[in-house]
Every structure is written in structure tokens, then in C-alpha cells.
Amino acid sequence: MIQVVISGAGGKLATAIADAVVAADDLELTGLFNPKRAGQTMYGTTVSGDHDAMTGDVVVETAHNDVVLENLGHWQANGLAAVVGTSGFTP
């Protein structure tokens, strides 16, 4: 079972990904991250605003492009592999 954390919880892409994760037989939703929605419950999981509270095998990063690079630093420091689904980066 692959444990999945989703960053950007509550957004359009994050919601579609969460739907797919909870429907999959070989994936487990272990965390939802979004400081702006911390304390809300989605998919039976309380959304967190604490990077260090996230545990799993991989984090799917869907947060706004202004915070993605900061988040990636936290995920790397916490030993989480990351898949970035955020768009809108400009050089």
C-alpha cells in the first residue's frame, strides 16, 4: 500500500487526486496539507498546516505556485518523495 499525502487540499486538482486515491485499492490517503484550510475535515482526514505532521511515501504537491518551492524543501527534509502537479511557474 502506497501512503499518499496531498498538498493543496481543497483545491480543484487536489480534490480530483484525493478522489482517485481513496478509490484505489493500492493507495492510502495519509495526510492533507493546506495551512488555509487547517482544521477542516476532508475524506475523513483533518487538514493540517504543519509540514512536519505529514507522513507517507509520497506527497502530491498541488498548492499555489508561490509556495510550492518552500513546500518541496519541507517534503525533502522530511524524507517524502514528491510529485508536482502545480502549474503556472514562470522563469
PDB file of N, CA and C in Angstrom:
ATOM      1  N   MET A   1       0.854  -1.178   0.000  1.00  0.00           N
ATOM      2  CA  MET A   1       0.000   0.000   0.000  1.00  0.00           C
ATOM      3  C   MET A   1       0.898   1.238   0.000  1.00  0.00           C
ATOM      4  N   ILE A   2       0.678   2.128  -0.947  1.00  0.00           N
ATOM      5  CA  ILE A   2       1.439   3.372  -1.033  1.00  0.00           C
ATOM      6  C   ILE A   2       0.683   4.445  -0.247  1.00  0.00           C
ATOM      7  N   GLN A   3       1.382   5.075   0.680  1.00  0.00           N
ATOM      8  CA  GLN A   3       0.786   6.112   1.514  1.00  0.00           C
ATOM      9  C   GLN A   3       0.979   7.469   0.847  1.00  0.00           C
ATOM     10  N   VAL A   4      -0.134   8.181   0.631  1.00  0.00           N
ATOM     11  CA  VAL A   4      -0.127   9.421  -0.140  1.00  0.00           C
ATOM     12  C   VAL A   4      -0.571  10.601   0.715  1.00  0.00           C
ATOM     13  N   VAL A   5       0.197  11.678   0.638  1.00  0.00           N
ATOM     14  CA  VAL A   5      -0.145  12.965   1.233  1.00  0.00           C
ATOM     15  C   VAL A   5      -0.483  13.895   0.074  1.00  0.00           C
ATOM     16  N   ILE A   6      -1.473  14.747   0.243  1.00  0.00           N
ATOM     17  CA  ILE A   6      -1.824  15.719  -0.790  1.00  0.00           C
ATOM     18  C   ILE A   6      -1.674  17.119  -0.221  1.00  0.00           C
ATOM     19  N   SER A   7      -0.846  17.921  -0.887  1.00  0.00           N
ATOM     20  CA  SER A   7      -0.643  19.315  -0.514  1.00  0.00           C
ATOM     21  C   SER A   7      -1.489  20.190  -1.428  1.00  0.00           C
ATOM     22  N   GLY A   8      -2.173  21.152  -0.831  1.00  0.00           N
ATOM     23  CA  GLY A   8      -3.107  21.984  -1.580  1.00  0.00           C
ATOM     24  C   GLY A   8      -4.528  21.491  -1.401  1.00  0.00           C
ATOM     25  N   ALA A   9      -4.736  20.759  -0.319  1.00  0.00           N
ATOM     26  CA  ALA A   9      -6.039  20.140  -0.038  1.00  0.00           C
ATOM     27  C   ALA A   9      -7.170  21.139  -0.190  1.00  0.00           C
ATOM     28  N   GLY A  10      -8.223  20.700  -0.883  1.00  0.00           N
ATOM     29  CA  GLY A  10      -9.396  21.522  -1.090  1.00  0.00           C
ATOM     30  C   GLY A  10      -9.421  22.207  -2.443  1.00  0.00           C
ATOM     31  N   GLY A  11      -8.278  22.246  -3.126  1.00  0.00           N
ATOM     32  CA  GLY A  11      -8.244  22.827  -4.458  1.00  0.00           C
ATOM     33  C   GLY A  11      -8.823  21.864  -5.486  1.00  0.00           C
ATOM     34  N   LYS A  12      -9.039  22.357  -6.703  1.00  0.00           N
ATOM     35  CA  LYS A  12      -9.653  21.534  -7.748  1.00  0.00           C
ATOM     36  C   LYS A  12      -8.826  20.301  -8.074  1.00  0.00           C
ATOM     37  N   LEU A  13      -7.532  20.487  -8.338  1.00  0.00           N
ATOM     38  CA  LEU A  13      -6.684  19.344  -8.677  1.00  0.00           C
ATOM     39  C   LEU A  13      -6.524  18.415  -7.480  1.00  0.00           C
ATOM     40  N   ALA A  14      -6.311  18.980  -6.310  1.00  0.00           N
ATOM     41  CA  ALA A  14      -6.148  18.168  -5.097  1.00  0.00           C
ATOM     42  C   ALA A  14      -7.385  17.317  -4.831  1.00  0.00           C
ATOM     43  N   THR A  15      -8.552  17.870  -5.080  1.00  0.00           N
ATOM     44  CA  THR A  15      -9.792  17.132  -4.856  1.00  0.00           C
ATOM     45  C   THR A  15      -9.912  15.962  -5.825  1.00  0.00           C
ATOM     46  N   ALA A  16      -9.588  16.193  -7.086  1.00  0.00           N
ATOM     47  CA  ALA A  16      -9.626  15.102  -8.065  1.00  0.00           C
ATOM     48  C   ALA A  16      -8.629  14.007  -7.716  1.00  0.00           C
ATOM     49  N   ILE A  17      -7.455  14.399  -7.262  1.00  0.00           N
ATOM     50  CA  ILE A  17      -6.438  13.416  -6.878  1.00  0.00           C
ATOM     51  C   ILE A  17      -6.892  12.651  -5.632  1.00  0.00           C
ATOM     52  N   ALA A  18      -7.436  13.350  -4.660  1.00  0.00           N
ATOM     53  CA  ALA A  18      -7.917  12.686  -3.447  1.00  0.00           C
ATOM     54  C   ALA A  18      -9.018  11.691  -3.776  1.00  0.00           C
ATOM     55  N   ASP A  19      -9.921  12.056  -4.679  1.00  0.00           N
ATOM     56  CA  ASP A  19     -10.963  11.120  -5.101  1.00  0.00           C
ATOM     57  C   ASP A  19     -10.350   9.844  -5.665  1.00  0.00           C
ATOM     58  N   ALA A  20      -9.328  10.002  -6.489  1.00  0.00           N
ATOM     59  CA  ALA A  20      -8.668   8.838  -7.100  1.00  0.00           C
ATOM     60  C   ALA A  20      -7.923   8.003  -6.064  1.00  0.00           C
ATOM     61  N   VAL A  21      -7.266   8.662  -5.124  1.00  0.00           N
ATOM     62  CA  VAL A  21      -6.509   7.949  -4.091  1.00  0.00           C
ATOM     63  C   VAL A  21      -7.445   7.109  -3.225  1.00  0.00           C
ATOM     64  N   VAL A  22      -8.537   7.705  -2.765  1.00  0.00           N
ATOM     65  CA  VAL A  22      -9.428   6.947  -1.879  1.00  0.00           C
ATOM     66  C   VAL A  22     -10.152   5.827  -2.624  1.00  0.00           C
ATOM     67  N   ALA A  23     -10.287   5.949  -3.930  1.00  0.00           N
ATOM     68  CA  ALA A  23     -10.941   4.899  -4.724  1.00  0.00           C
ATOM     69  C   ALA A  23      -9.996   3.755  -5.092  1.00  0.00           C
ATOM     70  N   ALA A  24      -8.693   3.988  -4.991  1.00  0.00           N
ATOM     71  CA  ALA A  24      -7.711   2.986  -5.401  1.00  0.00           C
ATOM     72  C   ALA A  24      -7.501   1.935  -4.315  1.00  0.00           C
ATOM     73  N   ASP A  25      -7.310   0.706  -4.742  1.00  0.00           N
ATOM     74  CA  ASP A  25      -7.079  -0.397  -3.805  1.00  0.00           C
ATOM     75  C   ASP A  25      -5.669  -0.421  -3.239  1.00  0.00           C
ATOM     76  N   ASP A  26      -4.713   0.181  -3.949  1.00  0.00           N
ATOM     77  CA  ASP A  26      -3.319   0.097  -3.541  1.00  0.00           C
ATOM     78  C   ASP A  26      -2.750   1.419  -3.029  1.00  0.00           C
ATOM     79  N   LEU A  27      -3.629   2.412  -2.777  1.00  0.00           N
ATOM     80  CA  LEU A  27      -3.211   3.702  -2.241  1.00  0.00           C
ATOM     81  C   LEU A  27      -3.968   4.001  -0.964  1.00  0.00           C
ATOM     82  N   GLU A  28      -3.305   4.716  -0.060  1.00  0.00           N
ATOM     83  CA  GLU A  28      -3.925   5.116   1.205  1.00  0.00           C
ATOM     84  C   GLU A  28      -3.668   6.604   1.422  1.00  0.00           C
ATOM     85  N   LEU A  29      -4.703   7.379   1.634  1.00  0.00           N
ATOM     86  CA  LEU A  29      -4.574   8.800   1.929  1.00  0.00           C
ATOM     87  C   LEU A  29      -4.163   8.947   3.391  1.00  0.00           C
ATOM     88  N   THR A  30      -2.934   9.423   3.619  1.00  0.00           N
ATOM     89  CA  THR A  30      -2.433   9.521   4.992  1.00  0.00           C
ATOM     90  C   THR A  30      -2.303  10.945   5.491  1.00  0.00           C
ATOM     91  N   GLY A  31      -2.499  11.931   4.617  1.00  0.00           N
ATOM     92  CA  GLY A  31      -2.403  13.311   5.069  1.00  0.00           C
ATOM     93  C   GLY A  31      -2.888  14.294   4.036  1.00  0.00           C
ATOM     94  N   LEU A  32      -3.431  15.397   4.538  1.00  0.00           N
ATOM     95  CA  LEU A  32      -3.850  16.518   3.711  1.00  0.00           C
ATOM     96  C   LEU A  32      -3.209  17.768   4.277  1.00  0.00           C
ATOM     97  N   PHE A  33      -2.586  18.559   3.408  1.00  0.00           N
ATOM     98  CA  PHE A  33      -1.878  19.760   3.852  1.00  0.00           C
ATOM     99  C   PHE A  33      -2.427  20.993   3.151  1.00  0.00           C
ATOM    100  N   ASN A  34      -2.768  22.001   3.939  1.00  0.00           N
ATOM    101  CA  ASN A  34      -3.141  23.313   3.431  1.00  0.00           C
ATOM    102  C   ASN A  34      -3.331  24.230   4.634  1.00  0.00           C
ATOM    103  N   PRO A  35      -2.373  25.115   4.889  1.00  0.00           N
ATOM    104  CA  PRO A  35      -2.494  25.994   6.057  1.00  0.00           C
ATOM    105  C   PRO A  35      -3.775  26.826   6.066  1.00  0.00           C
ATOM    106  N   LYS A  36      -4.298  27.167   4.889  1.00  0.00           N
ATOM    107  CA  LYS A  36      -5.512  27.981   4.816  1.00  0.00           C
ATOM    108  C   LYS A  36      -6.773  27.189   5.145  1.00  0.00           C
ATOM    109  N   ARG A  37      -6.677  25.866   5.146  1.00  0.00           N
ATOM    110  CA  ARG A  37      -7.835  25.015   5.461  1.00  0.00           C
ATOM    111  C   ARG A  37      -7.575  24.128   6.678  1.00  0.00           C
ATOM    112  N   ALA A  38      -6.522  24.430   7.428  1.00  0.00           N
ATOM    113  CA  ALA A  38      -6.163  23.618   8.592  1.00  0.00           C
ATOM    114  C   ALA A  38      -7.347  23.513   9.548  1.00  0.00           C
ATOM    115  N   GLY A  39      -7.590  22.296  10.004  1.00  0.00           N
ATOM    116  CA  GLY A  39      -8.683  22.018  10.925  1.00  0.00           C
ATOM    117  C   GLY A  39      -9.938  21.506  10.245  1.00  0.00           C
ATOM    118  N   GLN A  40     -10.061  21.735   8.948  1.00  0.00           N
ATOM    119  CA  GLN A  40     -11.212  21.196   8.213  1.00  0.00           C
ATOM    120  C   GLN A  40     -11.034  19.692   8.044  1.00  0.00           C
ATOM    121  N   THR A  41     -12.133  18.991   7.903  1.00  0.00           N
ATOM    122  CA  THR A  41     -12.084  17.551   7.667  1.00  0.00           C
ATOM    123  C   THR A  41     -12.520  17.266   6.243  1.00  0.00           C
ATOM    124  N   MET A  42     -11.690  16.507   5.548  1.00  0.00           N
ATOM    125  CA  MET A  42     -11.976  16.071   4.184  1.00  0.00           C
ATOM    126  C   MET A  42     -11.584  14.613   4.075  1.00  0.00           C
ATOM    127  N   TYR A  43     -12.430  13.814   3.485  1.00  0.00           N
ATOM    128  CA  TYR A  43     -12.137  12.391   3.285  1.00  0.00           C
ATOM    129  C   TYR A  43     -11.837  11.693   4.611  1.00  0.00           C
ATOM    130  N   GLY A  44     -12.439  12.163   5.688  1.00  0.00           N
ATOM    131  CA  GLY A  44     -12.220  11.575   6.995  1.00  0.00           C
ATOM    132  C   GLY A  44     -10.875  11.918   7.607  1.00  0.00           C
ATOM    133  N   THR A  45     -10.180  12.877   7.029  1.00  0.00           N
ATOM    134  CA  THR A  45      -8.848  13.283   7.482  1.00  0.00           C
ATOM    135  C   THR A  45      -8.869  14.773   7.804  1.00  0.00           C
ATOM    136  N   THR A  46      -8.257  15.158   8.899  1.00  0.00           N
ATOM    137  CA  THR A  46      -8.166  16.569   9.256  1.00  0.00           C
ATOM    138  C   THR A  46      -7.019  17.216   8.491  1.00  0.00           C
ATOM    139  N   VAL A  47      -7.313  18.302   7.817  1.00  0.00           N
ATOM    140  CA  VAL A  47      -6.304  19.043   7.065  1.00  0.00           C
ATOM    141  C   VAL A  47      -5.349  19.699   8.057  1.00  0.00           C
ATOM    142  N   SER A  48      -4.057  19.636   7.746  1.00  0.00           N
ATOM    143  CA  SER A  48      -3.034  20.200   8.621  1.00  0.00           C
ATOM    144  C   SER A  48      -2.318  21.357   7.931  1.00  0.00           C
ATOM    145  N   GLY A  49      -1.812  22.263   8.743  1.00  0.00           N
ATOM    146  CA  GLY A  49      -0.967  23.339   8.255  1.00  0.00           C
ATOM    147  C   GLY A  49       0.471  23.151   8.688  1.00  0.00           C
ATOM    148  N   ASP A  50       0.776  21.971   9.241  1.00  0.00           N
ATOM    149  CA  ASP A  50       2.110  21.664   9.767  1.00  0.00           C
ATOM    150  C   ASP A  50       2.820  20.689   8.839  1.00  0.00           C
ATOM    151  N   HIS A  51       3.837  21.177   8.148  1.00  0.00           N
ATOM    152  CA  HIS A  51       4.604  20.320   7.245  1.00  0.00           C
ATOM    153  C   HIS A  51       5.103  19.055   7.952  1.00  0.00           C
ATOM    154  N   ASP A  52       5.577  19.225   9.172  1.00  0.00           N
ATOM    155  CA  ASP A  52       6.191  18.113   9.894  1.00  0.00           C
ATOM    156  C   ASP A  52       5.195  17.048  10.345  1.00  0.00           C
ATOM    157  N   ALA A  53       3.909  17.350  10.294  1.00  0.00           N
ATOM    158  CA  ALA A  53       2.888  16.372  10.686  1.00  0.00           C
ATOM    159  C   ALA A  53       2.555  15.403   9.552  1.00  0.00           C
ATOM    160  N   MET A  54       3.065  15.671   8.357  1.00  0.00           N
ATOM    161  CA  MET A  54       2.739  14.839   7.207  1.00  0.00           C
ATOM    162  C   MET A  54       3.647  13.610   7.144  1.00  0.00           C
ATOM    163  N   THR A  55       3.027  12.442   7.050  1.00  0.00           N
ATOM    164  CA  THR A  55       3.783  11.196   6.929  1.00  0.00           C
ATOM    165  C   THR A  55       3.208  10.382   5.784  1.00  0.00           C
ATOM    166  N   GLY A  56       4.084   9.730   5.067  1.00  0.00           N
ATOM    167  CA  GLY A  56       3.665   8.895   3.956  1.00  0.00           C
ATOM    168  C   GLY A  56       4.855   8.541   3.083  1.00  0.00           C
ATOM    169  N   ASP A  57       4.565   7.950   1.950  1.00  0.00           N
ATOM    170  CA  ASP A  57       5.611   7.591   0.998  1.00  0.00           C
ATOM    171  C   ASP A  57       5.839   8.696  -0.017  1.00  0.00           C
ATOM    172  N   VAL A  58       4.759   9.372  -0.395  1.00  0.00           N
ATOM    173  CA  VAL A  58       4.838  10.391  -1.440  1.00  0.00           C
ATOM    174  C   VAL A  58       3.844  11.503  -1.147  1.00  0.00           C
ATOM    175  N   VAL A  59       4.224  12.719  -1.505  1.00  0.00           N
ATOM    176  CA  VAL A  59       3.305  13.852  -1.418  1.00  0.00           C
ATOM    177  C   VAL A  59       3.037  14.331  -2.843  1.00  0.00           C
ATOM    178  N   VAL A  60       1.773  14.543  -3.136  1.00  0.00           N
ATOM    179  CA  VAL A  60       1.389  15.129  -4.418  1.00  0.00           C
ATOM    180  C   VAL A  60       1.169  16.613  -4.149  1.00  0.00           C
ATOM    181  N   GLU A  61       2.018  17.423  -4.737  1.00  0.00           N
ATOM    182  CA  GLU A  61       2.030  18.868  -4.488  1.00  0.00           C
ATOM    183  C   GLU A  61       1.157  19.581  -5.513  1.00  0.00           C
ATOM    184  N   THR A  62       0.064  20.193  -5.043  1.00  0.00           N
ATOM    185  CA  THR A  62      -0.850  20.899  -5.936  1.00  0.00           C
ATOM    186  C   THR A  62      -1.096  22.328  -5.463  1.00  0.00           C
ATOM    187  N   ALA A  63      -0.317  22.780  -4.501  1.00  0.00           N
ATOM    188  CA  ALA A  63      -0.525  24.114  -3.937  1.00  0.00           C
ATOM    189  C   ALA A  63      -0.188  25.200  -4.955  1.00  0.00           C
ATOM    190  N   HIS A  64      -0.540  26.419  -4.626  1.00  0.00           N
ATOM    191  CA  HIS A  64      -0.276  27.569  -5.486  1.00  0.00           C
ATOM    192  C   HIS A  64       1.221  27.693  -5.749  1.00  0.00           C
ATOM    193  N   ASN A  65       1.564  28.124  -6.949  1.00  0.00           N
ATOM    194  CA  ASN A  65       2.978  28.160  -7.334  1.00  0.00           C
ATOM    195  C   ASN A  65       3.833  29.079  -6.457  1.00  0.00           C
ATOM    196  N   ASP A  66       3.244  30.003  -5.724  1.00  0.00           N
ATOM    197  CA  ASP A  66       4.011  30.874  -4.832  1.00  0.00           C
ATOM    198  C   ASP A  66       4.606  30.140  -3.633  1.00  0.00           C
ATOM    199  N   VAL A  67       4.043  28.991  -3.270  1.00  0.00           N
ATOM    200  CA  VAL A  67       4.510  28.280  -2.079  1.00  0.00           C
ATOM    201  C   VAL A  67       5.108  26.906  -2.376  1.00  0.00           C
ATOM    202  N   VAL A  68       5.054  26.480  -3.624  1.00  0.00           N
ATOM    203  CA  VAL A  68       5.495  25.125  -3.956  1.00  0.00           C
ATOM    204  C   VAL A  68       6.958  24.887  -3.613  1.00  0.00           C
ATOM    205  N   LEU A  69       7.844  25.798  -3.973  1.00  0.00           N
ATOM    206  CA  LEU A  69       9.265  25.561  -3.719  1.00  0.00           C
ATOM    207  C   LEU A  69       9.563  25.468  -2.232  1.00  0.00           C
ATOM    208  N   GLU A  70       8.914  26.291  -1.432  1.00  0.00           N
ATOM    209  CA  GLU A  70       9.080  26.192   0.024  1.00  0.00           C
ATOM    210  C   GLU A  70       8.581  24.841   0.516  1.00  0.00           C
ATOM    211  N   ASN A  71       7.403  24.434   0.050  1.00  0.00           N
ATOM    212  CA  ASN A  71       6.858  23.143   0.456  1.00  0.00           C
ATOM    213  C   ASN A  71       7.791  22.005   0.070  1.00  0.00           C
ATOM    214  N   LEU A  72       8.339  22.054  -1.148  1.00  0.00           N
ATOM    215  CA  LEU A  72       9.238  20.979  -1.597  1.00  0.00           C
ATOM    216  C   LEU A  72      10.445  20.834  -0.681  1.00  0.00           C
ATOM    217  N   GLY A  73      10.950  21.942  -0.178  1.00  0.00           N
ATOM    218  CA  GLY A  73      12.061  21.870   0.777  1.00  0.00           C
ATOM    219  C   GLY A  73      11.673  21.120   2.038  1.00  0.00           C
ATOM    220  N   HIS A  74      10.467  21.362   2.523  1.00  0.00           N
ATOM    221  CA  HIS A  74       9.982  20.648   3.710  1.00  0.00           C
ATOM    222  C   HIS A  74       9.782  19.160   3.409  1.00  0.00           C
ATOM    223  N   TRP A  75       9.190  18.857   2.260  1.00  0.00           N
ATOM    224  CA  TRP A  75       8.955  17.440   1.933  1.00  0.00           C
ATOM    225  C   TRP A  75      10.273  16.697   1.833  1.00  0.00           C
ATOM    226  N   GLN A  76      11.260  17.317   1.192  1.00  0.00           N
ATOM    227  CA  GLN A  76      12.576  16.677   1.076  1.00  0.00           C
ATOM    228  C   GLN A  76      13.202  16.471   2.460  1.00  0.00           C
ATOM    229  N   ALA A  77      13.137  17.489   3.300  1.00  0.00           N
ATOM    230  CA  ALA A  77      13.711  17.384   4.649  1.00  0.00           C
ATOM    231  C   ALA A  77      13.031  16.286   5.465  1.00  0.00           C
ATOM    232  N   ASN A  78      11.752  16.027   5.178  1.00  0.00           N
ATOM    233  CA  ASN A  78      11.003  15.000   5.902  1.00  0.00           C
ATOM    234  C   ASN A  78      11.053  13.634   5.231  1.00  0.00           C
ATOM    235  N   GLY A  79      11.846  13.515   4.167  1.00  0.00           N
ATOM    236  CA  GLY A  79      12.035  12.219   3.521  1.00  0.00           C
ATOM    237  C   GLY A  79      10.890  11.778   2.633  1.00  0.00           C
ATOM    238  N   LEU A  80      10.042  12.716   2.224  1.00  0.00           N
ATOM    239  CA  LEU A  80       8.914  12.380   1.356  1.00  0.00           C
ATOM    240  C   LEU A  80       9.292  12.583  -0.107  1.00  0.00           C
ATOM    241  N   ALA A  81       9.004  11.606  -0.936  1.00  0.00           N
ATOM    242  CA  ALA A  81       9.124  11.800  -2.375  1.00  0.00           C
ATOM    243  C   ALA A  81       8.000  12.740  -2.785  1.00  0.00           C
ATOM    244  N   ALA A  82       8.212  13.498  -3.866  1.00  0.00           N
ATOM    245  CA  ALA A  82       7.194  14.467  -4.269  1.00  0.00           C
ATOM    246  C   ALA A  82       6.905  14.381  -5.755  1.00  0.00           C
ATOM    247  N   VAL A  83       5.630  14.536  -6.071  1.00  0.00           N
ATOM    248  CA  VAL A  83       5.154  14.658  -7.447  1.00  0.00           C
ATOM    249  C   VAL A  83       4.496  16.032  -7.513  1.00  0.00           C
ATOM    250  N   VAL A  84       4.962  16.895  -8.424  1.00  0.00           N
ATOM    251  CA  VAL A  84       4.428  18.248  -8.506  1.00  0.00           C
ATOM    252  C   VAL A  84       3.411  18.338  -9.630  1.00  0.00           C
ATOM    253  N   GLY A  85       2.204  18.734  -9.278  1.00  0.00           N
ATOM    254  CA  GLY A  85       1.149  18.917 -10.250  1.00  0.00           C
ATOM    255  C   GLY A  85       0.785  20.375 -10.446  1.00  0.00           C
ATOM    256  N   THR A  86       1.470  21.254  -9.744  1.00  0.00           N
ATOM    257  CA  THR A  86       1.208  22.695  -9.835  1.00  0.00           C
ATOM    258  C   THR A  86       1.664  23.225 -11.185  1.00  0.00           C
ATOM    259  N   SER A  87       0.883  24.125 -11.748  1.00  0.00           N
ATOM    260  CA  SER A  87       1.276  24.773 -12.996  1.00  0.00           C
ATOM    261  C   SER A  87       1.433  26.271 -12.755  1.00  0.00           C
ATOM    262  N   GLY A  88       1.883  26.970 -13.777  1.00  0.00           N
ATOM    263  CA  GLY A  88       1.964  28.426 -13.667  1.00  0.00           C
ATOM    264  C   GLY A  88       3.309  28.965 -13.246  1.00  0.00           C
ATOM    265  N   PHE A  89       4.340  28.128 -13.260  1.00  0.00           N
ATOM    266  CA  PHE A  89       5.674  28.626 -12.944  1.00  0.00           C
ATOM    267  C   PHE A  89       6.195  29.477 -14.100  1.00  0.00           C
ATOM    268  N   THR A  90       6.819  30.605 -13.803  1.00  0.00           N
ATOM    269  CA  THR A  90       7.450  31.431 -14.838  1.00  0.00           C
ATOM    270  C   THR A  90       8.898  31.679 -14.445  1.00  0.00           C
ATOM    271  N   PRO A  91       9.784  31.764 -15.443  1.00  0.00           N
ATOM    272  CA  PRO A  91      11.210  31.996 -15.143  1.00  0.00           C
ATOM    273  C   PRO A  91      11.474  33.392 -14.614  1.00  0.00           C
TER     274      PRO A  91
END
